[in-house]
Amino acid sequence: MIREDRFLISRKPYAVDLGSLRTDDPRAGHDGSVHVTATLDAVWFRRRKGVTVACVGHLWDIQAPPADAAQFLAQHDDGRYGGTCFGRWDGTGYWGAQRPEEIEQHLALLRPMLDNYPALPPGYAGWYTFTPAR
């Protein structure tokens, strides 16, 4: 992924929690390489039917075991699946988790995020994209 100097929604940027990297147990590939499934918590803005929405979820990738979030982002170069969304807020309606405690946790992050569009929410670094800067 590439860190952008400025926010452009057209490049589908993500803000990430650099302290949230998780990996599963390493597995050996057929060629002897070792890989893991790694995830990193993320938030992002998108436009849906002309309305700006705030999303919470994670980025994931299968890659060589990263030492840290910076290495995960550097190795993550396939953006065709985008982020996995767990909750979305459009200013009037919520889509996502069904457990009340998860809904409240998501809305506590997404409401101020959308109110302060396009600022980064506290605790997140960004903006990261799969699209090379032109």
Protein backbone atom coordinates (compact mmCIF):
# COMPACT_ATOMS: atom_id res chain seq x y z
CA MET A 1 0.00 0.00 0.00
CA ILE A 2 1.05 3.57 -0.57
CA ARG A 3 0.75 6.37 1.99
CA GLU A 4 -0.82 9.45 0.42
CA ASP A 5 0.01 13.02 1.44
CA ARG A 6 -3.60 14.10 1.11
CA PHE A 7 -7.09 12.64 1.23
CA LEU A 8 -8.76 11.96 -2.13
CA ILE A 9 -11.90 9.81 -1.82
CA SER A 10 -11.53 8.78 -5.48
CA ARG A 11 -8.39 6.81 -4.56
CA LYS A 12 -10.31 4.79 -1.95
CA PRO A 13 -8.02 5.58 1.00
CA TYR A 14 -7.85 3.72 4.31
CA ALA A 15 -6.78 4.91 7.75
CA VAL A 16 -5.24 2.15 9.88
CA ASP A 17 -4.61 1.43 13.54
CA LEU A 18 -0.89 0.64 13.45
CA GLY A 19 -1.07 -1.17 16.79
CA SER A 20 -3.73 -3.66 15.71
CA LEU A 21 -1.74 -6.09 13.53
CA ARG A 22 -2.81 -9.71 14.04
CA THR A 23 -1.52 -12.85 12.34
CA ASP A 24 -2.46 -16.51 12.46
CA ASP A 25 0.03 -19.36 12.80
CA PRO A 26 2.64 -19.49 10.02
CA ARG A 27 2.06 -22.07 7.28
CA ALA A 28 4.51 -23.51 4.79
CA GLY A 29 3.69 -23.21 1.10
CA HIS A 30 4.38 -25.83 -1.55
CA ASP A 31 7.55 -23.97 -2.52
CA GLY A 32 8.88 -23.91 1.06
CA SER A 33 7.90 -20.29 1.68
CA VAL A 34 6.17 -19.34 4.92
CA HIS A 35 3.03 -17.22 4.98
CA VAL A 36 0.34 -16.01 7.39
CA THR A 37 -3.06 -14.40 7.15
CA ALA A 38 -2.58 -10.93 8.61
CA THR A 39 -5.22 -8.33 9.51
CA LEU A 40 -5.00 -4.65 10.44
CA ASP A 41 -7.93 -2.60 11.79
CA ALA A 42 -8.99 0.15 9.40
CA VAL A 43 -11.58 2.85 8.79
CA TRP A 44 -12.51 4.53 5.53
CA PHE A 45 -14.96 6.81 3.77
CA ARG A 46 -16.84 5.86 0.63
CA ARG A 47 -19.69 7.26 -1.42
CA ARG A 48 -22.83 5.15 -1.73
CA LYS A 49 -25.50 6.50 -4.08
CA GLY A 50 -24.06 10.01 -3.70
CA VAL A 51 -23.95 9.88 0.12
CA THR A 52 -20.66 9.86 2.04
CA VAL A 53 -20.47 7.00 4.54
CA ALA A 54 -17.94 6.08 7.24
CA CYS A 55 -16.88 2.43 7.52
CA VAL A 56 -15.06 0.37 10.14
CA GLY A 57 -13.45 -3.00 9.51
CA HIS A 58 -10.05 -4.40 8.64
CA LEU A 59 -7.61 -4.97 5.83
CA TRP A 60 -6.36 -8.52 5.36
CA ASP A 61 -3.74 -10.24 3.28
CA ILE A 62 -1.93 -13.58 3.00
CA GLN A 63 1.78 -12.76 2.98
CA ALA A 64 5.19 -13.50 4.45
CA PRO A 65 5.02 -12.89 8.21
CA PRO A 66 5.28 -9.11 8.69
CA ALA A 67 7.44 -7.76 11.52
CA ASP A 68 5.04 -4.87 12.11
CA ALA A 69 2.16 -2.89 10.59
CA ALA A 70 4.50 -0.88 8.35
CA GLN A 71 5.82 -4.08 6.78
CA PHE A 72 2.27 -5.45 6.42
CA LEU A 73 1.27 -2.29 4.51
CA ALA A 74 4.42 -2.39 2.35
CA GLN A 75 3.76 -6.04 1.41
CA HIS A 76 0.01 -5.57 0.85
CA ASP A 77 -0.21 -4.78 -2.86
CA ASP A 78 -3.44 -6.48 -3.97
CA GLY A 79 -6.40 -4.20 -3.38
CA ARG A 80 -9.02 -6.04 -5.41
CA TYR A 81 -10.93 -7.12 -2.28
CA GLY A 82 -10.64 -3.82 -0.41
CA GLY A 83 -11.40 -3.69 3.28
CA THR A 84 -13.74 -6.06 5.10
CA CYS A 85 -16.51 -3.84 6.46
CA PHE A 86 -18.03 -4.65 9.86
CA GLY A 87 -20.07 -1.45 10.30
CA ARG A 88 -21.16 1.55 8.23
CA TRP A 89 -22.78 4.86 9.21
CA ASP A 90 -24.32 7.30 6.70
CA GLY A 91 -25.47 9.97 9.14
CA THR A 92 -28.96 8.55 9.60
CA GLY A 93 -28.71 4.75 9.46
CA TYR A 94 -26.33 2.05 10.62
CA TRP A 95 -25.52 -1.24 8.86
CA GLY A 96 -23.36 -3.92 10.42
CA ALA A 97 -23.02 -5.78 13.70
CA GLN A 98 -26.14 -7.04 15.46
CA ARG A 99 -24.88 -7.19 19.06
CA PRO A 100 -25.80 -3.95 20.91
CA GLU A 101 -22.31 -3.55 22.43
CA GLU A 102 -20.67 -3.84 19.00
CA ILE A 103 -23.13 -1.39 17.45
CA GLU A 104 -22.39 1.19 20.15
CA GLN A 105 -18.63 0.65 19.77
CA HIS A 106 -18.87 1.16 16.01
CA LEU A 107 -21.10 4.24 16.28
CA ALA A 108 -18.79 5.80 18.89
CA LEU A 109 -16.09 5.75 16.19
CA LEU A 110 -18.17 6.31 13.03
CA ARG A 111 -20.39 9.23 14.13
CA PRO A 112 -17.53 11.64 14.94
CA MET A 113 -15.59 10.32 11.96
CA LEU A 114 -18.38 11.31 9.56
CA ASP A 115 -18.97 14.61 11.42
CA ASN A 116 -15.29 15.51 10.92
CA TYR A 117 -14.99 14.27 7.33
CA PRO A 118 -12.30 13.89 5.95
CA ALA A 119 -10.14 14.13 9.08
CA LEU A 120 -8.38 11.05 10.45
CA PRO A 121 -10.02 9.67 13.59
CA PRO A 122 -7.84 9.65 16.73
CA GLY A 123 -5.53 6.63 16.91
CA TYR A 124 -5.49 6.04 13.15
CA ALA A 125 -2.76 6.79 10.59
CA GLY A 126 -3.39 7.43 6.94
CA TRP A 127 -4.23 7.77 4.26
CA TYR A 128 -3.17 4.50 2.58
CA THR A 129 -4.24 3.46 -0.91
CA PHE A 130 -3.61 0.78 -3.50
CA THR A 131 -3.65 3.40 -6.25
CA PRO A 132 -0.23 4.84 -7.10
CA ALA A 133 0.03 8.62 -6.82
CA ARG A 134 0.03 10.34 -10.21
